[in-house]
Amino acid sequence: ALREKEKGDWKKLSLEEKKALYRASFCLTFAEMKAPTGEWKSIVGIACMFISIGIWLVILEKLFVFKPLPDSFSEESKKAQLKRMIDLRVNPIEGIGSKYDYDKGEWKK
């Protein structure tokens, strides 16, 4: 019955009939199509879960997989290595030796 009225004059149709015809033809209004679905919340949640899993894996690897750093990584050892390089006059043209004044026994300014 409503499809028959659709073929006639639309000015004679009531507002409810016009809405029913619109729903029959298009299903959704423009506002309903553009309404947010809230899907971003689940995507952000899943991304946060994967990031936290990755962080926990790194922590567990550092605790149980990697060996402790060798003694040569300590500050005292680094200073001793630098002193030895200066004493041996390693790379005096462009390297660490070029920045040290051997006559005065101090770093160049």
Protein backbone atom coordinates (compact mmCIF):
# COMPACT_ATOMS: atom_id res chain seq x y z
CA ALA A 1 0.00 0.00 0.00
CA LEU A 2 2.81 2.38 0.84
CA ARG A 3 4.56 1.64 -2.46
CA GLU A 4 1.40 2.64 -4.31
CA LYS A 5 1.27 5.97 -2.43
CA GLU A 6 4.93 6.50 -3.31
CA LYS A 7 4.02 6.68 -7.00
CA GLY A 8 1.51 9.46 -6.31
CA ASP A 9 1.89 13.00 -4.98
CA TRP A 10 4.38 13.16 -2.09
CA LYS A 11 2.70 16.25 -0.65
CA LYS A 12 -0.25 14.08 0.35
CA LEU A 13 1.96 11.69 2.33
CA SER A 14 2.32 12.16 6.07
CA LEU A 15 5.73 12.64 7.69
CA GLU A 16 5.63 9.10 9.12
CA GLU A 17 4.90 7.64 5.67
CA LYS A 18 7.79 9.61 4.16
CA LYS A 19 10.10 8.30 6.88
CA ALA A 20 8.91 4.74 6.28
CA LEU A 21 9.55 5.09 2.53
CA TYR A 22 13.02 6.52 3.20
CA ARG A 23 13.80 3.61 5.53
CA ALA A 24 12.58 1.11 2.93
CA SER A 25 14.87 2.61 0.29
CA PHE A 26 18.04 3.57 2.19
CA CYS A 27 18.02 1.76 5.59
CA LEU A 28 20.29 4.35 7.29
CA THR A 29 20.23 8.11 7.55
CA PHE A 30 23.41 10.07 6.85
CA ALA A 31 23.86 10.76 10.57
CA GLU A 32 23.52 7.05 11.35
CA MET A 33 26.09 6.19 8.67
CA LYS A 34 28.63 8.68 10.04
CA ALA A 35 28.04 7.81 13.71
CA PRO A 36 31.15 6.41 15.44
CA THR A 37 31.11 2.69 16.13
CA GLY A 38 33.54 2.64 19.05
CA GLU A 39 35.76 0.13 17.24
CA TRP A 40 38.85 2.28 17.92
CA LYS A 41 38.66 1.37 21.61
CA SER A 42 39.22 -2.31 20.96
CA ILE A 43 42.03 -1.54 18.50
CA VAL A 44 43.83 0.67 21.04
CA GLY A 45 43.32 -1.97 23.73
CA ILE A 46 44.78 -4.74 21.59
CA ALA A 47 47.71 -2.52 20.58
CA CYS A 48 48.43 -1.75 24.25
CA MET A 49 48.33 -5.47 25.06
CA PHE A 50 50.88 -6.26 22.33
CA ILE A 51 53.13 -3.40 23.46
CA SER A 52 53.02 -4.60 27.06
CA ILE A 53 53.78 -8.17 25.98
CA GLY A 54 56.80 -6.87 24.06
CA ILE A 55 58.02 -4.89 27.07
CA TRP A 56 57.67 -7.94 29.32
CA LEU A 57 59.60 -10.07 26.82
CA VAL A 58 62.47 -7.57 26.83
CA ILE A 59 62.51 -7.52 30.64
CA LEU A 60 62.50 -11.32 30.84
CA GLU A 61 65.28 -11.56 28.25
CA LYS A 62 67.43 -9.15 30.23
CA LEU A 63 66.82 -11.14 33.42
CA PHE A 64 67.17 -14.71 32.15
CA VAL A 65 68.76 -14.78 28.69
CA PHE A 66 71.50 -12.15 28.45
CA LYS A 67 74.73 -12.63 30.32
CA PRO A 68 75.96 -9.82 32.57
CA LEU A 69 78.19 -7.22 30.91
CA PRO A 70 81.94 -7.86 31.04
CA ASP A 71 84.19 -5.91 33.42
CA SER A 72 85.50 -3.81 30.54
CA PHE A 73 82.18 -1.92 30.52
CA SER A 74 82.69 -0.47 34.02
CA GLU A 75 83.70 3.19 34.45
CA GLU A 76 87.03 2.28 36.09
CA SER A 77 87.90 -0.01 33.20
CA LYS A 78 86.98 2.64 30.61
CA LYS A 79 89.20 5.19 32.37
CA ALA A 80 92.05 2.66 32.49
CA GLN A 81 91.62 1.94 28.76
CA LEU A 82 91.69 5.67 27.97
CA LYS A 83 94.84 6.16 30.08
CA ARG A 84 96.50 3.22 28.33
CA MET A 85 95.59 4.64 24.90
CA ILE A 86 97.10 8.00 25.87
CA ASP A 87 100.24 6.32 27.25
CA LEU A 88 100.65 4.36 24.01
CA ARG A 89 100.00 7.54 21.96
CA VAL A 90 97.28 5.83 19.94
CA ASN A 91 96.25 7.65 16.74
CA PRO A 92 97.97 11.01 17.37
CA ILE A 93 96.89 12.63 14.09
CA GLU A 94 93.08 12.48 14.16
CA GLY A 95 92.13 10.22 17.05
CA ILE A 96 92.14 10.41 20.82
CA GLY A 97 95.84 11.27 20.95
CA SER A 98 95.31 14.46 18.92
CA LYS A 99 93.16 15.89 21.72
CA TYR A 100 95.78 15.31 24.44
CA ASP A 101 98.77 17.56 25.16
CA TYR A 102 101.61 15.17 26.00
CA ASP A 103 104.02 17.95 27.07
CA LYS A 104 101.66 19.40 29.70
CA GLY A 105 100.05 16.06 30.54
CA GLU A 106 96.47 17.32 30.14
CA TRP A 107 93.68 17.55 27.59
CA LYS A 108 93.90 20.31 24.99
CA LYS A 109 91.46 23.17 25.34
